[in-house]
């Protein structure tokens, strides 16, 4: 390992170390796994310095994304419901859903996909397990944390593509966006409005979708995409506000506040 690569790995470990007390779970233990399906994108707030940089650049709550592959890894990981993600330290890896059970998360679900399409989606990321990526943009994000560059908001997304080789594939959303592109499912495509003349001579408008460069996707794109449904585990499992138990507010003595 050359000195620059060694330094990059050390810096990556420092930037991705979790910080205690930064995030809280938004669903009860077990509900997250019970709500996820193959093809769902799990967004994670994250608690590391690296996560803070991604949230600042993208102006979003979400700093990480992972794809649920259901039971597609049952032969190697047993019955555990698995996620595939691109991690800056370990590259593309599989982790159980329980890995994120104590963090602030959101489930984004694609709509209308057939079983074979979901299998192809999972297969795309599974075939990339073990791949490692260039760490060059770790240095760029580290510099951003120390001294944010004066970049207008509309250009900040392109900071995710700084670096050489394929550094942005360490940004988890790039891998997942490419997986959806492989089955022609939209996330946030560029939309071209084209006009034509119909058989009756009347003008017609139609939308033509163009797949965007997957390197420029961020975790928030799955949240704001009109093609993904937000799934909240608590509501999925029969939430009833009438059976909640609230702590009683302490009442002040009758003479409280009197002179």
C-alpha atoms as a PDB file:
ATOM      1  CA  UNK A   1       0.000   0.000   0.000  1.00  0.00           C
ATOM      2  CA  UNK A   2       1.500   3.332  -1.043  1.00  0.00           C
ATOM      3  CA  UNK A   3       1.742   6.187   1.518  1.00  0.00           C
ATOM      4  CA  UNK A   4      -1.147   8.177  -0.024  1.00  0.00           C
ATOM      5  CA  UNK A   5      -3.432   5.156   0.014  1.00  0.00           C
ATOM      6  CA  UNK A   6      -2.407   4.369   3.607  1.00  0.00           C
ATOM      7  CA  UNK A   7      -3.188   7.935   4.634  1.00  0.00           C
ATOM      8  CA  UNK A   8      -6.511   7.775   2.800  1.00  0.00           C
ATOM      9  CA  UNK A   9      -7.560   4.663   4.725  1.00  0.00           C
ATOM     10  CA  UNK A  10      -6.516   6.227   8.047  1.00  0.00           C
ATOM     11  CA  UNK A  11      -8.443   9.387   7.225  1.00  0.00           C
ATOM     12  CA  UNK A  12     -11.481   7.363   6.142  1.00  0.00           C
ATOM     13  CA  UNK A  13     -11.517   5.468   9.448  1.00  0.00           C
ATOM     14  CA  UNK A  14     -11.334   8.764  11.358  1.00  0.00           C
ATOM     15  CA  UNK A  15     -14.080  10.443   9.332  1.00  0.00           C
ATOM     16  CA  UNK A  16     -16.457   7.462   9.491  1.00  0.00           C
ATOM     17  CA  UNK A  17     -16.117   6.711  13.213  1.00  0.00           C
ATOM     18  CA  UNK A  18     -19.601   7.005  14.798  1.00  0.00           C
ATOM     19  CA  UNK A  19     -20.228   9.612  17.471  1.00  0.00           C
ATOM     20  CA  UNK A  20     -22.292   8.608  20.496  1.00  0.00           C
ATOM     21  CA  UNK A  21     -25.661  10.176  21.170  1.00  0.00           C
ATOM     22  CA  UNK A  22     -25.944  11.781  17.750  1.00  0.00           C
ATOM     23  CA  UNK A  23     -28.925   9.863  16.388  1.00  0.00           C
ATOM     24  CA  UNK A  24     -32.006   8.084  17.710  1.00  0.00           C
ATOM     25  CA  UNK A  25     -34.018   5.191  16.304  1.00  0.00           C
ATOM     26  CA  UNK A  26     -37.287   6.181  14.621  1.00  0.00           C
ATOM     27  CA  UNK A  27     -38.909   2.745  14.801  1.00  0.00           C
ATOM     28  CA  UNK A  28     -39.078   0.092  17.492  1.00  0.00           C
ATOM     29  CA  UNK A  29     -36.659  -2.807  17.407  1.00  0.00           C
ATOM     30  CA  UNK A  30     -37.859  -5.425  14.941  1.00  0.00           C
ATOM     31  CA  UNK A  31     -40.221  -3.107  13.058  1.00  0.00           C
ATOM     32  CA  UNK A  32     -37.588  -2.001  10.562  1.00  0.00           C
ATOM     33  CA  UNK A  33     -36.787  -5.549   9.464  1.00  0.00           C
ATOM     34  CA  UNK A  34     -40.478  -6.471   9.405  1.00  0.00           C
ATOM     35  CA  UNK A  35     -41.245  -3.533   7.093  1.00  0.00           C
ATOM     36  CA  UNK A  36     -38.418  -3.826   4.553  1.00  0.00           C
ATOM     37  CA  UNK A  37     -38.862  -5.638   1.232  1.00  0.00           C
ATOM     38  CA  UNK A  38     -36.484  -6.557  -1.555  1.00  0.00           C
ATOM     39  CA  UNK A  39     -35.792  -3.451  -3.633  1.00  0.00           C
ATOM     40  CA  UNK A  40     -36.388  -0.960  -0.818  1.00  0.00           C
ATOM     41  CA  UNK A  41     -33.811   1.777  -0.307  1.00  0.00           C
ATOM     42  CA  UNK A  42     -32.947   2.412   3.337  1.00  0.00           C
ATOM     43  CA  UNK A  43     -31.766   5.946   4.043  1.00  0.00           C
ATOM     44  CA  UNK A  44     -29.698   6.569   7.169  1.00  0.00           C
ATOM     45  CA  UNK A  45     -28.956   9.843   8.933  1.00  0.00           C
ATOM     46  CA  UNK A  46     -25.498   8.750  10.108  1.00  0.00           C
ATOM     47  CA  UNK A  47     -23.462  10.120  12.991  1.00  0.00           C
ATOM     48  CA  UNK A  48     -19.918  10.395  11.646  1.00  0.00           C
ATOM     49  CA  UNK A  49     -17.922  13.399  10.441  1.00  0.00           C
ATOM     50  CA  UNK A  50     -18.151  11.971   6.943  1.00  0.00           C
ATOM     51  CA  UNK A  51     -21.945  11.866   7.279  1.00  0.00           C
ATOM     52  CA  UNK A  52     -21.939  15.503   8.382  1.00  0.00           C
ATOM     53  CA  UNK A  53     -20.069  16.493   5.225  1.00  0.00           C
ATOM     54  CA  UNK A  54     -22.525  14.646   2.969  1.00  0.00           C
ATOM     55  CA  UNK A  55     -25.515  16.200   4.766  1.00  0.00           C
ATOM     56  CA  UNK A  56     -24.020  19.678   4.434  1.00  0.00           C
ATOM     57  CA  UNK A  57     -23.189  19.293   0.752  1.00  0.00           C
ATOM     58  CA  UNK A  58     -26.607  17.860  -0.121  1.00  0.00           C
ATOM     59  CA  UNK A  59     -28.596  19.996   2.364  1.00  0.00           C
ATOM     60  CA  UNK A  60     -30.392  16.887   3.593  1.00  0.00           C
ATOM     61  CA  UNK A  61     -31.005  14.777   6.687  1.00  0.00           C
ATOM     62  CA  UNK A  62     -29.719  11.658   4.924  1.00  0.00           C
ATOM     63  CA  UNK A  63     -26.055  10.797   4.539  1.00  0.00           C
ATOM     64  CA  UNK A  64     -26.162   7.114   3.586  1.00  0.00           C
ATOM     65  CA  UNK A  65     -28.237   4.681   1.542  1.00  0.00           C
ATOM     66  CA  UNK A  66     -28.377   0.882   1.343  1.00  0.00           C
ATOM     67  CA  UNK A  67     -30.420  -1.470  -0.849  1.00  0.00           C
ATOM     68  CA  UNK A  68     -32.482  -4.269   0.671  1.00  0.00           C
ATOM     69  CA  UNK A  69     -31.828  -7.523  -1.216  1.00  0.00           C
ATOM     70  CA  UNK A  70     -34.296  -9.591   0.823  1.00  0.00           C
ATOM     71  CA  UNK A  71     -33.345 -13.243   1.055  1.00  0.00           C
ATOM     72  CA  UNK A  72     -31.067 -13.167  -2.010  1.00  0.00           C
ATOM     73  CA  UNK A  73     -28.047 -13.850   0.226  1.00  0.00           C
ATOM     74  CA  UNK A  74     -29.702 -16.611   2.278  1.00  0.00           C
ATOM     75  CA  UNK A  75     -27.140 -19.223   1.198  1.00  0.00           C
ATOM     76  CA  UNK A  76     -24.261 -17.234   2.651  1.00  0.00           C
ATOM     77  CA  UNK A  77     -25.943 -15.237   5.422  1.00  0.00           C
ATOM     78  CA  UNK A  78     -28.771 -17.475   6.613  1.00  0.00           C
ATOM     79  CA  UNK A  79     -32.237 -16.096   7.261  1.00  0.00           C
ATOM     80  CA  UNK A  80     -31.107 -12.567   8.104  1.00  0.00           C
ATOM     81  CA  UNK A  81     -32.654  -9.816   5.979  1.00  0.00           C
ATOM     82  CA  UNK A  82     -29.661  -8.236   4.264  1.00  0.00           C
ATOM     83  CA  UNK A  83     -28.718  -4.840   2.885  1.00  0.00           C
ATOM     84  CA  UNK A  84     -26.002  -4.154   0.317  1.00  0.00           C
ATOM     85  CA  UNK A  85     -24.171  -0.857   0.584  1.00  0.00           C
ATOM     86  CA  UNK A  86     -21.003   0.891  -0.570  1.00  0.00           C
ATOM     87  CA  UNK A  87     -18.872   1.658   2.467  1.00  0.00           C
ATOM     88  CA  UNK A  88     -15.898   3.964   2.210  1.00  0.00           C
ATOM     89  CA  UNK A  89     -13.736   1.643   4.336  1.00  0.00           C
ATOM     90  CA  UNK A  90     -14.880  -1.804   3.233  1.00  0.00           C
ATOM     91  CA  UNK A  91     -16.136  -1.143  -0.294  1.00  0.00           C
ATOM     92  CA  UNK A  92     -19.342  -2.884  -1.372  1.00  0.00           C
ATOM     93  CA  UNK A  93     -20.505  -5.128   1.449  1.00  0.00           C
ATOM     94  CA  UNK A  94     -23.570  -6.873   2.875  1.00  0.00           C
ATOM     95  CA  UNK A  95     -24.848  -6.022   6.357  1.00  0.00           C
ATOM     96  CA  UNK A  96     -27.927  -7.194   8.284  1.00  0.00           C
ATOM     97  CA  UNK A  97     -30.801  -4.765   8.787  1.00  0.00           C
ATOM     98  CA  UNK A  98     -30.066  -4.850  12.526  1.00  0.00           C
ATOM     99  CA  UNK A  99     -26.894  -2.875  11.729  1.00  0.00           C
ATOM    100  CA  UNK A 100     -29.047   0.263  11.425  1.00  0.00           C
ATOM    101  CA  UNK A 101     -31.854  -0.602  13.853  1.00  0.00           C
ATOM    102  CA  UNK A 102     -30.805   2.050  16.401  1.00  0.00           C
ATOM    103  CA  UNK A 103     -30.420   4.932  13.934  1.00  0.00           C
ATOM    104  CA  UNK A 104     -32.722   7.456  12.309  1.00  0.00           C
ATOM    105  CA  UNK A 105     -33.782   5.821   9.038  1.00  0.00           C
ATOM    106  CA  UNK A 106     -36.327   6.064   6.228  1.00  0.00           C
ATOM    107  CA  UNK A 107     -37.599   3.406   3.838  1.00  0.00           C
ATOM    108  CA  UNK A 108     -38.102   4.453   0.205  1.00  0.00           C
ATOM    109  CA  UNK A 109     -39.939   1.858  -1.894  1.00  0.00           C
ATOM    110  CA  UNK A 110     -39.996   1.658  -5.707  1.00  0.00           C
ATOM    111  CA  UNK A 111     -43.458   1.079  -7.138  1.00  0.00           C
ATOM    112  CA  UNK A 112     -44.685  -1.346  -9.782  1.00  0.00           C
ATOM    113  CA  UNK A 113     -41.615  -3.536 -10.202  1.00  0.00           C
ATOM    114  CA  UNK A 114     -42.096  -7.217 -11.044  1.00  0.00           C
ATOM    115  CA  UNK A 115     -40.384 -10.048  -9.184  1.00  0.00           C
ATOM    116  CA  UNK A 116     -37.825 -10.602 -11.945  1.00  0.00           C
ATOM    117  CA  UNK A 117     -36.970  -6.891 -11.941  1.00  0.00           C
ATOM    118  CA  UNK A 118     -36.467  -6.890  -8.180  1.00  0.00           C
ATOM    119  CA  UNK A 119     -34.248  -9.953  -8.534  1.00  0.00           C
ATOM    120  CA  UNK A 120     -32.211  -8.201 -11.233  1.00  0.00           C
ATOM    121  CA  UNK A 121     -31.903  -5.111  -9.016  1.00  0.00           C
ATOM    122  CA  UNK A 122     -30.598  -7.182  -6.108  1.00  0.00           C
ATOM    123  CA  UNK A 123     -28.330  -9.152  -8.428  1.00  0.00           C
ATOM    124  CA  UNK A 124     -26.713  -5.970  -9.727  1.00  0.00           C
ATOM    125  CA  UNK A 125     -25.425  -4.919  -6.301  1.00  0.00           C
ATOM    126  CA  UNK A 126     -24.645  -8.468  -5.150  1.00  0.00           C
ATOM    127  CA  UNK A 127     -22.335  -8.997  -8.126  1.00  0.00           C
ATOM    128  CA  UNK A 128     -20.334  -6.000  -6.926  1.00  0.00           C
ATOM    129  CA  UNK A 129     -19.755  -7.278  -3.396  1.00  0.00           C
ATOM    130  CA  UNK A 130     -16.126  -6.917  -2.427  1.00  0.00           C
ATOM    131  CA  UNK A 131     -15.305  -4.182  -4.919  1.00  0.00           C
ATOM    132  CA  UNK A 132     -13.041  -1.474  -3.543  1.00  0.00           C
ATOM    133  CA  UNK A 133     -13.010   2.128  -4.682  1.00  0.00           C
ATOM    134  CA  UNK A 134     -10.609   5.026  -4.974  1.00  0.00           C
ATOM    135  CA  UNK A 135     -10.409   7.068  -1.754  1.00  0.00           C
ATOM    136  CA  UNK A 136      -9.357  10.331  -3.408  1.00  0.00           C
ATOM    137  CA  UNK A 137     -12.550  12.161  -2.584  1.00  0.00           C
ATOM    138  CA  UNK A 138     -12.083  11.387   1.121  1.00  0.00           C
ATOM    139  CA  UNK A 139      -9.447  14.148   1.049  1.00  0.00           C
ATOM    140  CA  UNK A 140     -11.862  16.494  -0.718  1.00  0.00           C
ATOM    141  CA  UNK A 141     -14.595  15.897   1.843  1.00  0.00           C
ATOM    142  CA  UNK A 142     -12.097  16.276   4.693  1.00  0.00           C
ATOM    143  CA  UNK A 143     -11.089  19.674   3.310  1.00  0.00           C
ATOM    144  CA  UNK A 144     -14.765  20.586   3.045  1.00  0.00           C
ATOM    145  CA  UNK A 145     -15.219  19.883   6.763  1.00  0.00           C
ATOM    146  CA  UNK A 146     -12.267  22.096   7.676  1.00  0.00           C
ATOM    147  CA  UNK A 147     -13.021  24.961   5.303  1.00  0.00           C
ATOM    148  CA  UNK A 148     -16.247  24.777   3.259  1.00  0.00           C
ATOM    149  CA  UNK A 149     -15.633  26.157  -0.245  1.00  0.00           C
ATOM    150  CA  UNK A 150     -17.763  29.115  -1.392  1.00  0.00           C
ATOM    151  CA  UNK A 151     -19.789  27.008  -3.819  1.00  0.00           C
ATOM    152  CA  UNK A 152     -23.386  28.025  -4.707  1.00  0.00           C
ATOM    153  CA  UNK A 153     -26.005  25.511  -3.606  1.00  0.00           C
ATOM    154  CA  UNK A 154     -26.885  24.490  -7.174  1.00  0.00           C
ATOM    155  CA  UNK A 155     -23.284  23.344  -7.750  1.00  0.00           C
ATOM    156  CA  UNK A 156     -22.651  21.581  -4.433  1.00  0.00           C
ATOM    157  CA  UNK A 157     -23.852  18.236  -5.716  1.00  0.00           C
ATOM    158  CA  UNK A 158     -20.897  18.159  -8.113  1.00  0.00           C
ATOM    159  CA  UNK A 159     -18.551  18.167  -5.139  1.00  0.00           C
ATOM    160  CA  UNK A 160     -19.523  14.503  -4.803  1.00  0.00           C
ATOM    161  CA  UNK A 161     -17.770  13.756  -8.098  1.00  0.00           C
ATOM    162  CA  UNK A 162     -14.449  15.395  -7.205  1.00  0.00           C
ATOM    163  CA  UNK A 163     -11.471  13.063  -7.366  1.00  0.00           C
ATOM    164  CA  UNK A 164      -9.932  10.590  -9.777  1.00  0.00           C
ATOM    165  CA  UNK A 165     -10.804   7.104 -10.959  1.00  0.00           C
ATOM    166  CA  UNK A 166     -14.170   6.097  -9.495  1.00  0.00           C
ATOM    167  CA  UNK A 167     -14.112   7.742  -6.061  1.00  0.00           C
ATOM    168  CA  UNK A 168     -17.790   8.591  -5.950  1.00  0.00           C
ATOM    169  CA  UNK A 169     -18.761   4.936  -5.924  1.00  0.00           C
ATOM    170  CA  UNK A 170     -17.750   5.115  -2.283  1.00  0.00           C
ATOM    171  CA  UNK A 171     -20.761   7.405  -2.007  1.00  0.00           C
ATOM    172  CA  UNK A 172     -23.419   4.759  -1.408  1.00  0.00           C
ATOM    173  CA  UNK A 173     -26.150   6.361  -3.517  1.00  0.00           C
ATOM    174  CA  UNK A 174     -24.114   6.073  -6.719  1.00  0.00           C
ATOM    175  CA  UNK A 175     -24.118   2.271  -6.585  1.00  0.00           C
ATOM    176  CA  UNK A 176     -27.861   2.131  -5.897  1.00  0.00           C
ATOM    177  CA  UNK A 177     -28.722   4.702  -8.574  1.00  0.00           C
ATOM    178  CA  UNK A 178     -26.739   2.650 -11.100  1.00  0.00           C
ATOM    179  CA  UNK A 179     -28.634  -0.478 -10.021  1.00  0.00           C
ATOM    180  CA  UNK A 180     -32.000   1.163 -10.696  1.00  0.00           C
ATOM    181  CA  UNK A 181     -30.717   2.542 -13.995  1.00  0.00           C
ATOM    182  CA  UNK A 182     -29.829  -1.031 -15.013  1.00  0.00           C
ATOM    183  CA  UNK A 183     -33.532  -1.975 -14.900  1.00  0.00           C
ATOM    184  CA  UNK A 184     -34.721   1.371 -16.331  1.00  0.00           C
ATOM    185  CA  UNK A 185     -36.413   2.510 -13.134  1.00  0.00           C
ATOM    186  CA  UNK A 186     -36.315   6.307 -12.608  1.00  0.00           C
ATOM    187  CA  UNK A 187     -34.940   8.024  -9.507  1.00  0.00           C
ATOM    188  CA  UNK A 188     -34.624  11.682 -10.521  1.00  0.00           C
ATOM    189  CA  UNK A 189     -34.139  11.565 -14.307  1.00  0.00           C
ATOM    190  CA  UNK A 190     -33.601  14.519 -16.574  1.00  0.00           C
ATOM    191  CA  UNK A 191     -36.945  15.059 -18.332  1.00  0.00           C
ATOM    192  CA  UNK A 192     -37.146  16.345 -21.898  1.00  0.00           C
ATOM    193  CA  UNK A 193     -40.512  17.589 -23.134  1.00  0.00           C
ATOM    194  CA  UNK A 194     -40.840  16.775 -26.823  1.00  0.00           C
ATOM    195  CA  UNK A 195     -43.595  17.969 -29.161  1.00  0.00           C
ATOM    196  CA  UNK A 196     -44.995  16.080 -32.122  1.00  0.00           C
ATOM    197  CA  UNK A 197     -48.017  16.125 -34.396  1.00  0.00           C
ATOM    198  CA  UNK A 198     -50.631  13.409 -33.959  1.00  0.00           C
ATOM    199  CA  UNK A 199     -52.593  11.599 -36.638  1.00  0.00           C
ATOM    200  CA  UNK A 200     -55.359  14.156 -36.340  1.00  0.00           C
ATOM    201  CA  UNK A 201     -52.919  17.008 -36.855  1.00  0.00           C
ATOM    202  CA  UNK A 202     -53.146  18.140 -33.242  1.00  0.00           C
ATOM    203  CA  UNK A 203     -49.964  19.012 -31.350  1.00  0.00           C
ATOM    204  CA  UNK A 204     -48.923  16.462 -28.714  1.00  0.00           C
ATOM    205  CA  UNK A 205     -46.444  16.705 -25.880  1.00  0.00           C
ATOM    206  CA  UNK A 206     -44.631  13.796 -24.321  1.00  0.00           C
ATOM    207  CA  UNK A 207     -41.978  13.417 -21.672  1.00  0.00           C
ATOM    208  CA  UNK A 208     -38.737  11.597 -22.507  1.00  0.00           C
ATOM    209  CA  UNK A 209     -36.688  10.476 -19.514  1.00  0.00           C
ATOM    210  CA  UNK A 210     -32.901  10.566 -19.628  1.00  0.00           C
ATOM    211  CA  UNK A 211     -30.842   8.678 -17.034  1.00  0.00           C
ATOM    212  CA  UNK A 212     -28.584  11.060 -15.112  1.00  0.00           C
ATOM    213  CA  UNK A 213     -24.972  10.308 -14.312  1.00  0.00           C
ATOM    214  CA  UNK A 214     -25.151   7.987 -11.275  1.00  0.00           C
ATOM    215  CA  UNK A 215     -22.104   9.736  -9.767  1.00  0.00           C
ATOM    216  CA  UNK A 216     -24.228  12.817  -9.120  1.00  0.00           C
ATOM    217  CA  UNK A 217     -26.892  11.099  -7.041  1.00  0.00           C
ATOM    218  CA  UNK A 218     -27.162  11.709  -3.308  1.00  0.00           C
ATOM    219  CA  UNK A 219     -29.126   9.770  -0.643  1.00  0.00           C
ATOM    220  CA  UNK A 220     -31.786  12.511  -0.496  1.00  0.00           C
ATOM    221  CA  UNK A 221     -32.747  11.853  -4.135  1.00  0.00           C
ATOM    222  CA  UNK A 222     -34.530   8.645  -3.182  1.00  0.00           C
ATOM    223  CA  UNK A 223     -36.509  10.570  -0.556  1.00  0.00           C
ATOM    224  CA  UNK A 224     -37.629  13.403  -2.854  1.00  0.00           C
ATOM    225  CA  UNK A 225     -38.096  11.197  -5.931  1.00  0.00           C
ATOM    226  CA  UNK A 226     -41.743  11.064  -7.102  1.00  0.00           C
ATOM    227  CA  UNK A 227     -41.194   7.399  -8.032  1.00  0.00           C
ATOM    228  CA  UNK A 228     -40.531   6.085  -4.505  1.00  0.00           C
ATOM    229  CA  UNK A 229     -43.073   5.652  -1.717  1.00  0.00           C
ATOM    230  CA  UNK A 230     -42.007   6.540   1.821  1.00  0.00           C
ATOM    231  CA  UNK A 231     -42.782   3.663   4.201  1.00  0.00           C
ATOM    232  CA  UNK A 232     -42.905   4.303   7.957  1.00  0.00           C
ATOM    233  CA  UNK A 233     -42.657   1.108  10.045  1.00  0.00           C
ATOM    234  CA  UNK A 234     -44.750   2.401  12.963  1.00  0.00           C
ATOM    235  CA  UNK A 235     -47.680   3.199  10.669  1.00  0.00           C
ATOM    236  CA  UNK A 236     -47.279  -0.075   8.766  1.00  0.00           C
ATOM    237  CA  UNK A 237     -47.804  -2.063  11.959  1.00  0.00           C
ATOM    238  CA  UNK A 238     -51.163  -0.684  13.084  1.00  0.00           C
ATOM    239  CA  UNK A 239     -50.409   2.563  14.894  1.00  0.00           C
ATOM    240  CA  UNK A 240     -53.329   3.651  17.100  1.00  0.00           C
ATOM    241  CA  UNK A 241     -53.001   7.004  18.897  1.00  0.00           C
ATOM    242  CA  UNK A 242     -55.813   6.032  21.293  1.00  0.00           C
ATOM    243  CA  UNK A 243     -53.829   3.322  23.057  1.00  0.00           C
ATOM    244  CA  UNK A 244     -50.741   5.384  23.824  1.00  0.00           C
ATOM    245  CA  UNK A 245     -49.692   5.744  27.443  1.00  0.00           C
ATOM    246  CA  UNK A 246     -48.588   9.271  28.255  1.00  0.00           C
ATOM    247  CA  UNK A 247     -46.624  10.312  31.320  1.00  0.00           C
ATOM    248  CA  UNK A 248     -48.759  12.446  33.627  1.00  0.00           C
ATOM    249  CA  UNK A 249     -47.598  16.047  33.877  1.00  0.00           C
ATOM    250  CA  UNK A 250     -46.657  17.047  37.408  1.00  0.00           C
ATOM    251  CA  UNK A 251     -49.157  19.545  38.825  1.00  0.00           C
ATOM    252  CA  UNK A 252     -48.000  22.557  40.738  1.00  0.00           C
ATOM    253  CA  UNK A 253     -49.283  23.149  44.290  1.00  0.00           C
ATOM    254  CA  UNK A 254     -52.251  25.478  44.501  1.00  0.00           C
ATOM    255  CA  UNK A 255     -50.165  28.203  46.143  1.00  0.00           C
ATOM    256  CA  UNK A 256     -47.276  27.871  43.675  1.00  0.00           C
ATOM    257  CA  UNK A 257     -46.108  31.197  42.372  1.00  0.00           C
ATOM    258  CA  UNK A 258     -47.808  33.249  45.132  1.00  0.00           C
ATOM    259  CA  UNK A 259     -45.767  35.899  46.901  1.00  0.00           C
END
